[in-house]
C-alpha atoms as a PDB file:
ATOM      1  CA  MET A   1       1.787 -38.013  32.217  1.00  0.00           C
ATOM      2  CA  ASN A   2       2.832 -36.160  28.928  1.00  0.00           C
ATOM      3  CA  LYS A   3       0.370 -35.902  26.175  1.00  0.00           C
ATOM      4  CA  ARG A   4       1.602 -37.114  22.328  1.00  0.00           C
ATOM      5  CA  TYR A   5      -0.354 -35.049  19.079  1.00  0.00           C
ATOM      6  CA  VAL A   6      -0.233 -37.248  16.349  1.00  0.00           C
ATOM      7  CA  ILE A   7      -0.719 -35.873  12.688  1.00  0.00           C
ATOM      8  CA  ILE A   8      -3.259 -37.478  11.452  1.00  0.00           C
ATOM      9  CA  SER A   9      -3.835 -36.413   8.023  1.00  0.00           C
ATOM     10  CA  LYS A  10      -1.163 -34.112   6.416  1.00  0.00           C
ATOM     11  CA  PHE A  11      -3.126 -32.532   4.233  1.00  0.00           C
ATOM     12  CA  ARG A  12      -6.025 -31.196   6.687  1.00  0.00           C
ATOM     13  CA  PHE A  13      -3.011 -29.903   9.242  1.00  0.00           C
ATOM     14  CA  THR A  14      -1.632 -27.772   6.282  1.00  0.00           C
ATOM     15  CA  LEU A  15      -4.890 -26.821   6.118  1.00  0.00           C
ATOM     16  CA  PHE A  16      -5.963 -25.498   8.705  1.00  0.00           C
ATOM     17  CA  ILE A  17      -2.530 -24.230   9.205  1.00  0.00           C
ATOM     18  CA  PHE A  18      -3.301 -22.046   6.449  1.00  0.00           C
ATOM     19  CA  PHE A  19      -6.705 -20.798   7.953  1.00  0.00           C
ATOM     20  CA  LEU A  20      -4.994 -20.422  11.276  1.00  0.00           C
ATOM     21  CA  ILE A  21      -2.380 -18.434   9.345  1.00  0.00           C
ATOM     22  CA  PHE A  22      -5.294 -16.703   7.230  1.00  0.00           C
ATOM     23  CA  LEU A  23      -7.944 -15.676  10.253  1.00  0.00           C
ATOM     24  CA  ILE A  24      -5.118 -13.620  11.934  1.00  0.00           C
ATOM     25  CA  ASN A  25      -3.705 -12.146   9.239  1.00  0.00           C
ATOM     26  CA  CYS A  26      -7.561 -10.490   9.063  1.00  0.00           C
ATOM     27  CA  ILE A  27      -7.387  -9.969  12.703  1.00  0.00           C
ATOM     28  CA  ILE A  28      -4.425  -7.501  12.748  1.00  0.00           C
ATOM     29  CA  SER A  29      -5.650  -6.061   9.935  1.00  0.00           C
ATOM     30  CA  LEU A  30      -9.183  -5.190  10.999  1.00  0.00           C
ATOM     31  CA  ILE A  31      -7.215  -3.671  14.633  1.00  0.00           C
ATOM     32  CA  LEU A  32      -4.451  -2.182  13.075  1.00  0.00           C
ATOM     33  CA  PRO A  33      -5.466   0.832  10.964  1.00  0.00           C
ATOM     34  CA  SER A  34      -5.498   0.830   7.254  1.00  0.00           C
ATOM     35  CA  GLN A  35      -4.998   4.804   6.562  1.00  0.00           C
ATOM     36  CA  LEU A  36      -1.874   6.858   5.738  1.00  0.00           C
ATOM     37  CA  VAL A  37      -0.354   9.047   7.906  1.00  0.00           C
ATOM     38  CA  TYR A  38      -1.621  11.466   5.623  1.00  0.00           C
ATOM     39  CA  GLY A  39      -4.279  10.261   4.378  1.00  0.00           C
ATOM     40  CA  ASN A  40      -6.926  13.638   4.242  1.00  0.00           C
ATOM     41  CA  ILE A  41      -7.051  14.960   0.330  1.00  0.00           C
ATOM     42  CA  GLN A  42     -10.137  14.598  -0.680  1.00  0.00           C
ATOM     43  CA  LYS A  43      -9.598  13.009  -4.812  1.00  0.00           C
ATOM     44  CA  SER A  44     -10.948  16.492  -7.135  1.00  0.00           C
ATOM     45  CA  SER A  45      -9.806  19.042  -4.787  1.00  0.00           C
ATOM     46  CA  TYR A  46      -6.241  19.910  -6.628  1.00  0.00           C
ATOM     47  CA  SER A  47      -4.810  22.445  -9.483  1.00  0.00           C
ATOM     48  CA  LYS A  48      -2.591  22.019 -11.710  1.00  0.00           C
ATOM     49  CA  VAL A  49       0.751  23.476 -11.775  1.00  0.00           C
ATOM     50  CA  HIS A  50       2.954  23.676 -14.509  1.00  0.00           C
ATOM     51  CA  ILE A  51       6.907  23.006 -13.544  1.00  0.00           C
ATOM     52  CA  SER A  52       9.020  26.378 -14.925  1.00  0.00           C
ATOM     53  CA  LYS A  53      12.925  25.652 -15.125  1.00  0.00           C
ATOM     54  CA  GLY A  54      14.329  26.330 -10.865  1.00  0.00           C
ATOM     55  CA  ASP A  55      10.807  25.130  -9.823  1.00  0.00           C
ATOM     56  CA  THR A  56      11.326  22.420  -6.594  1.00  0.00           C
ATOM     57  CA  LEU A  57       8.368  20.708  -5.062  1.00  0.00           C
ATOM     58  CA  TRP A  58       9.383  23.218  -1.974  1.00  0.00           C
ATOM     59  CA  ASP A  59       8.906  26.046  -3.110  1.00  0.00           C
ATOM     60  CA  ILE A  60       5.813  25.057  -4.455  1.00  0.00           C
ATOM     61  CA  ALA A  61       4.435  23.759  -1.653  1.00  0.00           C
ATOM     62  CA  LYS A  62       5.433  27.168  -0.111  1.00  0.00           C
ATOM     63  CA  GLU A  63       3.142  28.972  -2.263  1.00  0.00           C
ATOM     64  CA  HIS A  64       0.086  26.733  -2.258  1.00  0.00           C
ATOM     65  CA  ASN A  65       0.132  26.323   1.152  1.00  0.00           C
ATOM     66  CA  SER A  66      -2.605  28.301   1.998  1.00  0.00           C
ATOM     67  CA  LYS A  67      -4.067  27.404   5.151  1.00  0.00           C
ATOM     68  CA  ASN A  68       0.237  27.343   7.011  1.00  0.00           C
ATOM     69  CA  TYR A  69       0.309  23.542   7.815  1.00  0.00           C
ATOM     70  CA  ASP A  70       3.638  22.054   7.991  1.00  0.00           C
ATOM     71  CA  LEU A  71       5.574  22.330   4.223  1.00  0.00           C
ATOM     72  CA  ARG A  72       6.893  18.531   5.191  1.00  0.00           C
ATOM     73  CA  LYS A  73       3.076  17.436   4.602  1.00  0.00           C
ATOM     74  CA  VAL A  74       2.229  19.572   1.738  1.00  0.00           C
ATOM     75  CA  VAL A  75       5.458  18.229  -0.254  1.00  0.00           C
ATOM     76  CA  TYR A  76       4.673  14.807   0.534  1.00  0.00           C
ATOM     77  CA  ASP A  77       0.474  14.970  -0.482  1.00  0.00           C
ATOM     78  CA  ILE A  78       2.389  16.490  -3.750  1.00  0.00           C
ATOM     79  CA  GLU A  79       4.361  13.416  -4.119  1.00  0.00           C
ATOM     80  CA  PHE A  80       0.585  11.344  -3.369  1.00  0.00           C
ATOM     81  CA  ILE A  81      -0.735  12.664  -5.507  1.00  0.00           C
ATOM     82  CA  ASN A  82       1.567  12.751  -8.317  1.00  0.00           C
ATOM     83  CA  GLY A  83       2.883   9.068  -8.050  1.00  0.00           C
ATOM     84  CA  ILE A  84       6.415  11.286  -7.303  1.00  0.00           C
ATOM     85  CA  SER A  85       9.359   8.596  -5.827  1.00  0.00           C
ATOM     86  CA  ASN A  86      11.733  10.792  -5.272  1.00  0.00           C
ATOM     87  CA  ALA A  87      11.906  15.175  -5.928  1.00  0.00           C
ATOM     88  CA  ASN A  88      13.241  14.888  -9.467  1.00  0.00           C
ATOM     89  CA  ILE A  89      10.768  16.731 -11.180  1.00  0.00           C
ATOM     90  CA  HIS A  90      11.349  18.958 -14.370  1.00  0.00           C
ATOM     91  CA  PRO A  91      10.546  21.841 -16.825  1.00  0.00           C
ATOM     92  CA  GLY A  92       7.241  21.277 -18.438  1.00  0.00           C
ATOM     93  CA  ASP A  93       5.984  18.693 -16.347  1.00  0.00           C
ATOM     94  CA  ILE A  94       2.293  19.358 -15.436  1.00  0.00           C
ATOM     95  CA  ILE A  95       1.537  18.198 -11.909  1.00  0.00           C
ATOM     96  CA  LYS A  96      -1.411  18.273  -9.120  1.00  0.00           C
ATOM     97  CA  ILE A  97      -1.160  20.400  -5.923  1.00  0.00           C
ATOM     98  CA  PRO A  98      -3.817  19.439  -3.610  1.00  0.00           C
ATOM     99  CA  ILE A  99      -6.477  22.537  -2.054  1.00  0.00           C
ATOM    100  CA  TYR A 100      -6.928  22.119   1.713  1.00  0.00           C
END
């Protein structure tokens, strides 16, 4: 007694599959957190710093870390706010530093 299923309309079957995938995607996106690991930055809470020769993100993060946060978090926040994908900064650049 094996049941066989026959697809009568390929269009309706394809539409059903796409709807099912969309529904599963929506459920997964609601269940999983959509925030970043370090998403505590407020948009207006930053100061601007002019980059001098020899400055690094790590040194700037040390100088502006008033509450003794993890320096890796501060460097990540600086990169995130400024849209920096790597740690290359150049003299004359102006970057935003988060104020915690």
